Amino acid sequence: MKTLVILAHPNLEASRVNKRWKKELLQHPNDIAIHEIYKEYPEWKIDVSREQTLLEAYNHVVFQFPFYWYSYPPLLKKWFDDVFAYGWAYGSKGDKLKGKKLGLAMSIGDKKENYLPEGSVSFTVDELITPFKASARHVGAKALPYFAVFGASFQASDEAINQSAKEYIRYIFRHAI
């Protein structure tokens, strides 16, 4: 089963992690399709019909983005708001995402230990991505466990980032089945 990766990074060239992950994804063109929404929609005018048709063609979709301010980048939020429309994704006759697998692949700038109840953030990543999980459930899709690399801003070594790219591919293939 081929996977669609919706890559949502506002400045991919400046990203150590997401740029490296994209490079790894490109090594699997028969199994993984990449759709870069910041590149596709620099003016933020989303072609909803096109995006919906794209989603309908895949049963496994991964949203890849930097996790900052404890959420998605703003264009990805707009993308969800526009594309997951009533009558298509949910509501009367809206079941186009039913049964699909949706996952998150996030680069997180802070340390992993800060995303514990006793850490400086005070919330776990699972708690912070609750809106995504609730949205997936609302449209009848299955929210997959997230994939993340922590310390993406400055702590992660090149070796750790390279290793995370390999693990990311394994994550995709494991959940694509």
N, C-alpha and C. Protein backbone atom coordinates (compact mmCIF):
# COMPACT_ATOMS: atom_id res chain seq x y z
N MET A 1 0.84 -1.17 0.00
CA MET A 1 0.00 0.00 0.00
C MET A 1 0.89 1.24 0.00
N LYS A 2 0.68 2.13 -0.93
CA LYS A 2 1.46 3.35 -1.03
C LYS A 2 0.99 4.36 0.02
N THR A 3 1.94 5.11 0.54
CA THR A 3 1.67 6.10 1.58
C THR A 3 1.81 7.50 1.00
N LEU A 4 0.90 8.38 1.41
CA LEU A 4 0.99 9.80 1.08
C LEU A 4 1.54 10.53 2.30
N VAL A 5 2.61 11.27 2.10
CA VAL A 5 3.16 12.12 3.16
C VAL A 5 2.83 13.56 2.81
N ILE A 6 2.06 14.20 3.67
CA ILE A 6 1.75 15.61 3.51
C ILE A 6 2.78 16.36 4.34
N LEU A 7 3.74 16.94 3.65
CA LEU A 7 4.84 17.63 4.31
C LEU A 7 4.47 19.10 4.47
N ALA A 8 4.44 19.57 5.71
CA ALA A 8 4.02 20.94 5.99
C ALA A 8 5.09 21.65 6.82
N HIS A 9 6.07 22.17 6.13
CA HIS A 9 7.13 22.92 6.81
C HIS A 9 7.26 24.29 6.15
N PRO A 10 7.12 25.36 6.93
CA PRO A 10 7.16 26.69 6.33
C PRO A 10 8.53 27.12 5.81
N ASN A 11 9.60 26.44 6.24
CA ASN A 11 10.94 26.77 5.76
C ASN A 11 11.78 25.50 5.73
N LEU A 12 11.45 24.63 4.81
CA LEU A 12 12.07 23.31 4.74
C LEU A 12 13.59 23.38 4.57
N GLU A 13 14.07 24.32 3.80
CA GLU A 13 15.52 24.41 3.56
C GLU A 13 16.30 24.70 4.83
N ALA A 14 15.69 25.34 5.80
CA ALA A 14 16.37 25.65 7.06
C ALA A 14 16.22 24.54 8.09
N SER A 15 15.48 23.51 7.77
CA SER A 15 15.22 22.44 8.72
C SER A 15 16.26 21.32 8.59
N ARG A 16 16.88 20.97 9.68
CA ARG A 16 17.80 19.84 9.66
C ARG A 16 17.03 18.54 9.57
N VAL A 17 15.99 18.41 10.38
CA VAL A 17 15.26 17.14 10.48
C VAL A 17 14.35 16.90 9.29
N ASN A 18 13.43 17.80 9.03
CA ASN A 18 12.44 17.58 7.97
C ASN A 18 13.08 17.48 6.59
N LYS A 19 14.14 18.24 6.38
CA LYS A 19 14.86 18.15 5.11
C LYS A 19 15.51 16.76 4.97
N ARG A 20 16.09 16.28 6.07
CA ARG A 20 16.71 14.95 6.04
C ARG A 20 15.66 13.86 5.87
N TRP A 21 14.52 14.01 6.55
CA TRP A 21 13.44 13.04 6.39
C TRP A 21 12.95 13.01 4.95
N LYS A 22 12.80 14.17 4.34
CA LYS A 22 12.34 14.21 2.95
C LYS A 22 13.33 13.48 2.05
N LYS A 23 14.61 13.71 2.27
CA LYS A 23 15.63 13.02 1.48
C LYS A 23 15.47 11.51 1.60
N GLU A 24 15.18 11.03 2.79
CA GLU A 24 14.99 9.59 3.00
C GLU A 24 13.71 9.10 2.32
N LEU A 25 12.65 9.88 2.40
CA LEU A 25 11.39 9.51 1.75
C LEU A 25 11.57 9.37 0.24
N LEU A 26 12.37 10.25 -0.33
CA LEU A 26 12.59 10.24 -1.78
C LEU A 26 13.29 8.97 -2.26
N GLN A 27 13.87 8.22 -1.35
CA GLN A 27 14.52 6.95 -1.70
C GLN A 27 13.50 5.83 -1.95
N HIS A 28 12.21 6.12 -1.71
CA HIS A 28 11.16 5.11 -1.82
C HIS A 28 10.01 5.60 -2.70
N PRO A 29 10.28 5.99 -3.94
CA PRO A 29 9.23 6.57 -4.79
C PRO A 29 8.11 5.61 -5.16
N ASN A 30 8.35 4.32 -5.10
CA ASN A 30 7.28 3.37 -5.43
C ASN A 30 6.35 3.12 -4.25
N ASP A 31 6.77 3.52 -3.06
CA ASP A 31 5.99 3.26 -1.85
C ASP A 31 5.46 4.52 -1.17
N ILE A 32 6.11 5.66 -1.43
CA ILE A 32 5.79 6.89 -0.71
C ILE A 32 5.68 8.05 -1.69
N ALA A 33 4.57 8.78 -1.61
CA ALA A 33 4.38 10.01 -2.38
C ALA A 33 4.46 11.19 -1.40
N ILE A 34 5.15 12.23 -1.81
CA ILE A 34 5.32 13.42 -0.96
C ILE A 34 4.54 14.57 -1.56
N HIS A 35 3.80 15.25 -0.71
CA HIS A 35 3.01 16.41 -1.13
C HIS A 35 3.36 17.56 -0.19
N GLU A 36 4.11 18.54 -0.69
CA GLU A 36 4.57 19.66 0.13
C GLU A 36 3.58 20.82 0.02
N ILE A 37 2.82 21.05 1.07
CA ILE A 37 1.76 22.06 0.95
C ILE A 37 2.28 23.49 0.99
N TYR A 38 3.37 23.77 1.69
CA TYR A 38 3.91 25.15 1.66
C TYR A 38 4.47 25.47 0.28
N LYS A 39 5.02 24.50 -0.38
CA LYS A 39 5.53 24.68 -1.73
C LYS A 39 4.36 24.80 -2.73
N GLU A 40 3.35 23.98 -2.52
CA GLU A 40 2.19 23.94 -3.41
C GLU A 40 1.29 25.17 -3.27
N TYR A 41 1.20 25.70 -2.06
CA TYR A 41 0.27 26.81 -1.79
C TYR A 41 0.96 27.99 -1.11
N PRO A 42 1.90 28.63 -1.80
CA PRO A 42 2.62 29.76 -1.17
C PRO A 42 1.70 30.95 -0.85
N GLU A 43 0.58 31.03 -1.55
CA GLU A 43 -0.38 32.11 -1.30
C GLU A 43 -1.52 31.67 -0.37
N TRP A 44 -1.44 30.41 0.09
CA TRP A 44 -2.41 29.84 1.03
C TRP A 44 -3.80 29.65 0.41
N LYS A 45 -3.88 29.57 -0.90
CA LYS A 45 -5.16 29.34 -1.57
C LYS A 45 -5.24 27.86 -1.92
N ILE A 46 -5.81 27.10 -1.03
CA ILE A 46 -5.83 25.65 -1.14
C ILE A 46 -6.88 25.20 -2.14
N ASP A 47 -6.48 24.35 -3.06
CA ASP A 47 -7.40 23.74 -4.02
C ASP A 47 -8.04 22.54 -3.31
N VAL A 48 -9.15 22.79 -2.68
CA VAL A 48 -9.80 21.79 -1.82
C VAL A 48 -10.15 20.53 -2.60
N SER A 49 -10.74 20.69 -3.76
CA SER A 49 -11.13 19.54 -4.57
C SER A 49 -9.92 18.68 -4.92
N ARG A 50 -8.83 19.31 -5.29
CA ARG A 50 -7.60 18.59 -5.62
C ARG A 50 -7.06 17.83 -4.41
N GLU A 51 -7.07 18.48 -3.26
CA GLU A 51 -6.57 17.84 -2.04
C GLU A 51 -7.46 16.67 -1.63
N GLN A 52 -8.75 16.83 -1.76
CA GLN A 52 -9.67 15.74 -1.42
C GLN A 52 -9.47 14.55 -2.36
N THR A 53 -9.32 14.83 -3.64
CA THR A 53 -9.07 13.75 -4.61
C THR A 53 -7.76 13.03 -4.27
N LEU A 54 -6.75 13.78 -3.90
CA LEU A 54 -5.47 13.20 -3.51
C LEU A 54 -5.64 12.28 -2.30
N LEU A 55 -6.34 12.74 -1.29
CA LEU A 55 -6.57 11.93 -0.09
C LEU A 55 -7.36 10.67 -0.39
N GLU A 56 -8.31 10.76 -1.29
CA GLU A 56 -9.13 9.60 -1.64
C GLU A 56 -8.29 8.49 -2.27
N ALA A 57 -7.17 8.84 -2.86
CA ALA A 57 -6.33 7.87 -3.56
C ALA A 57 -5.43 7.06 -2.64
N TYR A 58 -5.36 7.42 -1.37
CA TYR A 58 -4.46 6.75 -0.42
C TYR A 58 -5.22 6.28 0.82
N ASN A 59 -4.83 5.12 1.33
CA ASN A 59 -5.41 4.62 2.57
C ASN A 59 -4.53 4.90 3.77
N HIS A 60 -3.30 5.34 3.52
CA HIS A 60 -2.34 5.63 4.59
C HIS A 60 -1.74 7.01 4.32
N VAL A 61 -1.98 7.93 5.25
CA VAL A 61 -1.52 9.31 5.10
C VAL A 61 -0.75 9.70 6.36
N VAL A 62 0.43 10.28 6.16
CA VAL A 62 1.24 10.77 7.27
C VAL A 62 1.42 12.27 7.09
N PHE A 63 1.17 13.01 8.15
CA PHE A 63 1.37 14.46 8.15
C PHE A 63 2.71 14.72 8.82
N GLN A 64 3.64 15.28 8.08
CA GLN A 64 4.99 15.54 8.57
C GLN A 64 5.17 17.04 8.75
N PHE A 65 5.60 17.45 9.94
CA PHE A 65 5.72 18.88 10.22
C PHE A 65 6.55 19.13 11.47
N PRO A 66 7.03 20.38 11.63
CA PRO A 66 7.66 20.75 12.89
C PRO A 66 6.57 21.06 13.91
N PHE A 67 6.73 20.53 15.08
CA PHE A 67 5.76 20.74 16.17
C PHE A 67 6.24 21.94 16.97
N TYR A 68 5.56 23.07 16.78
CA TYR A 68 5.94 24.24 17.56
C TYR A 68 4.70 24.97 18.03
N TRP A 69 4.87 25.62 19.15
CA TRP A 69 3.74 26.19 19.86
C TRP A 69 2.69 25.12 20.11
N TYR A 70 3.17 23.88 20.28
CA TYR A 70 2.36 22.75 20.70
C TYR A 70 1.25 22.41 19.71
N SER A 71 1.52 22.64 18.46
CA SER A 71 0.49 22.43 17.46
C SER A 71 1.11 22.26 16.06
N TYR A 72 0.24 22.34 15.06
CA TYR A 72 0.64 22.26 13.66
C TYR A 72 1.11 23.62 13.17
N PRO A 73 1.88 23.64 12.08
CA PRO A 73 2.15 24.92 11.41
C PRO A 73 0.83 25.50 10.89
N PRO A 74 0.73 26.82 10.76
CA PRO A 74 -0.56 27.43 10.42
C PRO A 74 -1.17 27.00 9.09
N LEU A 75 -0.37 26.77 8.07
CA LEU A 75 -0.97 26.34 6.79
C LEU A 75 -1.57 24.94 6.92
N LEU A 76 -0.96 24.09 7.70
CA LEU A 76 -1.53 22.75 7.88
C LEU A 76 -2.87 22.84 8.62
N LYS A 77 -2.97 23.72 9.59
CA LYS A 77 -4.25 23.91 10.29
C LYS A 77 -5.31 24.39 9.30
N LYS A 78 -4.96 25.36 8.46
CA LYS A 78 -5.90 25.85 7.44
C LYS A 78 -6.26 24.71 6.48
N TRP A 79 -5.27 23.92 6.11
CA TRP A 79 -5.49 22.79 5.21
C TRP A 79 -6.54 21.86 5.81
N PHE A 80 -6.39 21.49 7.08
CA PHE A 80 -7.38 20.64 7.74
C PHE A 80 -8.76 21.31 7.73
N ASP A 81 -8.81 22.57 8.10
CA ASP A 81 -10.08 23.29 8.15
C ASP A 81 -10.79 23.31 6.79
N ASP A 82 -10.03 23.49 5.73
CA ASP A 82 -10.62 23.58 4.39
C ASP A 82 -10.93 22.21 3.79
N VAL A 83 -9.99 21.28 3.92
CA VAL A 83 -10.10 20.00 3.21
C VAL A 83 -11.03 19.02 3.91
N PHE A 84 -11.02 18.97 5.21
CA PHE A 84 -11.89 18.05 5.95
C PHE A 84 -13.28 18.67 6.07
N ALA A 85 -13.92 18.87 4.94
CA ALA A 85 -15.18 19.60 4.85
C ALA A 85 -16.40 18.73 5.15
N TYR A 86 -17.42 19.40 5.64
CA TYR A 86 -18.71 18.76 5.87
C TYR A 86 -19.24 18.26 4.53
N GLY A 87 -19.80 17.07 4.53
CA GLY A 87 -20.33 16.50 3.31
C GLY A 87 -19.29 15.72 2.52
N TRP A 88 -18.04 15.89 2.87
CA TRP A 88 -16.96 15.10 2.25
C TRP A 88 -16.28 14.23 3.31
N ALA A 89 -15.78 14.85 4.35
CA ALA A 89 -15.06 14.10 5.40
C ALA A 89 -16.00 13.62 6.51
N TYR A 90 -17.08 14.31 6.72
CA TYR A 90 -18.02 13.95 7.79
C TYR A 90 -19.39 14.53 7.46
N GLY A 91 -20.36 14.15 8.26
CA GLY A 91 -21.72 14.66 8.06
C GLY A 91 -22.47 13.87 7.01
N SER A 92 -23.53 14.46 6.53
CA SER A 92 -24.37 13.82 5.53
C SER A 92 -23.55 13.46 4.30
N LYS A 93 -23.46 12.19 4.01
CA LYS A 93 -22.71 11.65 2.87
C LYS A 93 -21.20 11.90 2.97
N GLY A 94 -20.73 12.30 4.12
CA GLY A 94 -19.31 12.60 4.28
C GLY A 94 -18.55 11.49 4.95
N ASP A 95 -18.04 10.58 4.16
CA ASP A 95 -17.30 9.46 4.76
C ASP A 95 -16.07 9.11 3.94
N LYS A 96 -15.52 10.05 3.23
CA LYS A 96 -14.40 9.76 2.32
C LYS A 96 -13.12 9.36 3.04
N LEU A 97 -13.01 9.64 4.32
CA LEU A 97 -11.81 9.29 5.08
C LEU A 97 -12.03 8.08 5.99
N LYS A 98 -13.22 7.54 5.93
CA LYS A 98 -13.56 6.42 6.80
C LYS A 98 -12.62 5.23 6.53
N GLY A 99 -12.03 4.72 7.60
CA GLY A 99 -11.16 3.55 7.52
C GLY A 99 -9.72 3.86 7.13
N LYS A 100 -9.43 5.10 6.75
CA LYS A 100 -8.05 5.43 6.39
C LYS A 100 -7.19 5.54 7.64
N LYS A 101 -5.89 5.31 7.48
CA LYS A 101 -4.93 5.43 8.58
C LYS A 101 -4.24 6.78 8.45
N LEU A 102 -4.27 7.56 9.54
CA LEU A 102 -3.65 8.88 9.55
C LEU A 102 -2.60 8.93 10.66
N GLY A 103 -1.39 9.34 10.30
CA GLY A 103 -0.31 9.42 11.27
C GLY A 103 0.35 10.79 11.27
N LEU A 104 1.12 11.03 12.31
CA LEU A 104 1.88 12.27 12.44
C LEU A 104 3.35 11.94 12.56
N ALA A 105 4.17 12.69 11.85
CA ALA A 105 5.63 12.61 11.99
C ALA A 105 6.10 14.03 12.31
N MET A 106 6.63 14.19 13.52
CA MET A 106 6.92 15.54 14.00
C MET A 106 8.37 15.70 14.42
N SER A 107 8.92 16.83 14.05
CA SER A 107 10.21 17.23 14.61
C SER A 107 9.85 18.17 15.77
N ILE A 108 10.39 17.83 16.93
CA ILE A 108 10.07 18.58 18.15
C ILE A 108 11.36 19.20 18.66
N GLY A 109 11.36 20.50 18.80
CA GLY A 109 12.57 21.21 19.15
C GLY A 109 13.10 20.94 20.54
N ASP A 110 12.23 20.70 21.47
CA ASP A 110 12.60 20.55 22.88
C ASP A 110 12.99 19.11 23.21
N LYS A 111 13.50 18.93 24.39
CA LYS A 111 13.91 17.61 24.88
C LYS A 111 12.70 16.76 25.23
N LYS A 112 12.85 15.47 25.08
CA LYS A 112 11.76 14.53 25.36
C LYS A 112 11.30 14.61 26.82
N GLU A 113 12.23 14.75 27.73
CA GLU A 113 11.86 14.77 29.16
C GLU A 113 11.01 15.98 29.53
N ASN A 114 11.02 17.02 28.71
CA ASN A 114 10.17 18.18 29.00
C ASN A 114 8.71 17.92 28.66
N TYR A 115 8.45 16.84 27.90
CA TYR A 115 7.08 16.46 27.53
C TYR A 115 6.56 15.34 28.43
N LEU A 116 6.89 15.44 29.69
CA LEU A 116 6.35 14.55 30.72
C LEU A 116 5.55 15.41 31.67
N PRO A 117 4.61 14.82 32.42
CA PRO A 117 3.82 15.63 33.36
C PRO A 117 4.68 16.47 34.32
N GLU A 118 5.84 15.94 34.68
CA GLU A 118 6.72 16.69 35.58
C GLU A 118 7.73 17.56 34.83
N GLY A 119 7.69 17.54 33.51
CA GLY A 119 8.61 18.34 32.70
C GLY A 119 8.16 19.78 32.57
N SER A 120 8.97 20.59 31.92
CA SER A 120 8.68 22.02 31.81
C SER A 120 7.42 22.31 30.98
N VAL A 121 7.07 21.43 30.04
CA VAL A 121 5.86 21.62 29.24
C VAL A 121 4.63 21.18 30.04
N SER A 122 4.81 20.18 30.89
CA SER A 122 3.75 19.65 31.77
C SER A 122 2.70 18.81 31.06
N PHE A 123 2.83 18.61 29.77
CA PHE A 123 1.91 17.79 29.01
C PHE A 123 2.71 16.82 28.16
N THR A 124 2.14 15.66 27.91
CA THR A 124 2.78 14.71 27.00
C THR A 124 2.43 15.09 25.56
N VAL A 125 3.21 14.59 24.63
CA VAL A 125 2.89 14.81 23.22
C VAL A 125 1.52 14.21 22.91
N ASP A 126 1.25 13.03 23.47
CA ASP A 126 -0.07 12.42 23.23
C ASP A 126 -1.21 13.34 23.67
N GLU A 127 -1.03 14.03 24.77
CA GLU A 127 -2.07 14.97 25.22
C GLU A 127 -2.17 16.15 24.26
N LEU A 128 -1.05 16.65 23.80
CA LEU A 128 -1.05 17.83 22.94
C LEU A 128 -1.59 17.55 21.54
N ILE A 129 -1.52 16.31 21.09
CA ILE A 129 -2.06 15.99 19.75
C ILE A 129 -3.49 15.47 19.81
N THR A 130 -4.14 15.64 20.95
CA THR A 130 -5.53 15.20 21.09
C THR A 130 -6.44 15.78 20.01
N PRO A 131 -6.32 17.04 19.60
CA PRO A 131 -7.19 17.54 18.53
C PRO A 131 -7.06 16.73 17.24
N PHE A 132 -5.84 16.30 16.90
CA PHE A 132 -5.65 15.47 15.72
C PHE A 132 -6.37 14.13 15.90
N LYS A 133 -6.17 13.50 17.05
CA LYS A 133 -6.80 12.20 17.29
C LYS A 133 -8.32 12.32 17.28
N ALA A 134 -8.84 13.39 17.85
CA ALA A 134 -10.29 13.59 17.86
C ALA A 134 -10.81 13.83 16.44
N SER A 135 -10.07 14.58 15.65
CA SER A 135 -10.47 14.84 14.26
C SER A 135 -10.47 13.55 13.45
N ALA A 136 -9.44 12.74 13.62
CA ALA A 136 -9.39 11.46 12.91
C ALA A 136 -10.60 10.60 13.28
N ARG A 137 -10.88 10.52 14.56
CA ARG A 137 -12.04 9.73 15.01
C ARG A 137 -13.34 10.31 14.43
N HIS A 138 -13.46 11.62 14.41
CA HIS A 138 -14.68 12.28 13.93
C HIS A 138 -14.96 11.94 12.46
N VAL A 139 -13.90 11.79 11.66
CA VAL A 139 -14.09 11.49 10.24
C VAL A 139 -14.03 10.00 9.94
N GLY A 140 -13.96 9.18 10.98
CA GLY A 140 -13.98 7.73 10.80
C GLY A 140 -12.64 7.12 10.43
N ALA A 141 -11.56 7.89 10.56
CA ALA A 141 -10.22 7.39 10.26
C ALA A 141 -9.59 6.85 11.54
N LYS A 142 -8.50 6.14 11.36
CA LYS A 142 -7.76 5.61 12.51
C LYS A 142 -6.53 6.48 12.72
N ALA A 143 -6.41 7.08 13.91
CA ALA A 143 -5.23 7.86 14.26
C ALA A 143 -4.14 6.90 14.70
N LEU A 144 -3.04 6.91 13.99
CA LEU A 144 -1.91 6.04 14.31
C LEU A 144 -1.08 6.65 15.43
N PRO A 145 -0.26 5.85 16.10
CA PRO A 145 0.69 6.43 17.06
C PRO A 145 1.59 7.43 16.31
N TYR A 146 2.01 8.46 17.00
CA TYR A 146 2.85 9.45 16.35
C TYR A 146 4.30 8.98 16.27
N PHE A 147 5.04 9.60 15.35
CA PHE A 147 6.48 9.41 15.25
C PHE A 147 7.10 10.77 15.50
N ALA A 148 8.17 10.82 16.28
CA ALA A 148 8.80 12.11 16.56
C ALA A 148 10.29 11.96 16.81
N VAL A 149 10.98 13.03 16.55
CA VAL A 149 12.36 13.18 17.00
C VAL A 149 12.37 14.43 17.88
N PHE A 150 12.99 14.29 19.03
CA PHE A 150 13.08 15.40 19.98
C PHE A 150 14.45 16.06 19.86
N GLY A 151 14.53 17.29 20.36
CA GLY A 151 15.79 18.03 20.30
C GLY A 151 16.14 18.51 18.91
N ALA A 152 15.14 18.62 18.06
CA ALA A 152 15.38 18.97 16.66
C ALA A 152 15.96 20.37 16.49
N SER A 153 15.69 21.26 17.41
CA SER A 153 16.17 22.64 17.26
C SER A 153 17.68 22.77 17.34
N PHE A 154 18.28 22.07 18.31
CA PHE A 154 19.73 22.22 18.44
C PHE A 154 20.42 21.06 19.14
N GLN A 155 19.70 20.24 19.90
CA GLN A 155 20.37 19.19 20.65
C GLN A 155 20.67 17.94 19.82
N ALA A 156 19.86 17.62 18.87
CA ALA A 156 20.02 16.38 18.11
C ALA A 156 21.27 16.44 17.22
N SER A 157 22.07 15.41 17.31
CA SER A 157 23.27 15.33 16.48
C SER A 157 22.88 14.91 15.06
N ASP A 158 23.79 15.13 14.13
CA ASP A 158 23.55 14.68 12.75
C ASP A 158 23.33 13.17 12.73
N GLU A 159 24.09 12.46 13.54
CA GLU A 159 23.93 11.00 13.61
C GLU A 159 22.52 10.63 14.10
N ALA A 160 22.03 11.32 15.11
CA ALA A 160 20.68 11.04 15.63
C ALA A 160 19.62 11.36 14.58
N ILE A 161 19.81 12.44 13.85
CA ILE A 161 18.85 12.81 12.81
C ILE A 161 18.87 11.79 11.68
N ASN A 162 20.04 11.34 11.29
CA ASN A 162 20.14 10.31 10.25
C ASN A 162 19.47 9.02 10.71
N GLN A 163 19.67 8.67 11.97
CA GLN A 163 19.02 7.47 12.51
C GLN A 163 17.51 7.65 12.53
N SER A 164 17.04 8.84 12.89
CA SER A 164 15.59 9.08 12.93
C SER A 164 14.98 8.95 11.54
N ALA A 165 15.72 9.31 10.51
CA ALA A 165 15.21 9.17 9.14
C ALA A 165 14.97 7.71 8.79
N LYS A 166 15.88 6.85 9.20
CA LYS A 166 15.72 5.40 8.97
C LYS A 166 14.52 4.87 9.77
N GLU A 167 14.41 5.32 11.02
CA GLU A 167 13.29 4.89 11.86
C GLU A 167 11.96 5.39 11.32
N TYR A 168 11.96 6.57 10.73
CA TYR A 168 10.75 7.13 10.13
C TYR A 168 10.25 6.25 9.00
N ILE A 169 11.16 5.79 8.15
CA ILE A 169 10.77 4.90 7.06
C ILE A 169 10.20 3.60 7.63
N ARG A 170 10.81 3.06 8.65
CA ARG A 170 10.28 1.84 9.28
C ARG A 170 8.88 2.10 9.85
N TYR A 171 8.70 3.26 10.47
CA TYR A 171 7.37 3.65 10.99
C TYR A 171 6.34 3.63 9.85
N ILE A 172 6.68 4.24 8.74
CA ILE A 172 5.75 4.31 7.61
C ILE A 172 5.40 2.90 7.12
N PHE A 173 6.41 2.09 6.88
CA PHE A 173 6.15 0.73 6.35
C PHE A 173 5.40 -0.13 7.35
N ARG A 174 5.69 0.01 8.62
CA ARG A 174 5.00 -0.79 9.65
C ARG A 174 3.50 -0.47 9.67
N HIS A 175 3.15 0.80 9.50
CA HIS A 175 1.74 1.20 9.59
C HIS A 175 1.02 1.18 8.26
N ALA A 176 1.75 1.01 7.17
CA ALA A 176 1.11 1.01 5.85
C ALA A 176 0.39 -0.30 5.58
N ILE A 177 0.71 -1.33 6.31
CA ILE A 177 0.13 -2.66 6.09
C ILE A 177 -1.33 -2.66 6.49
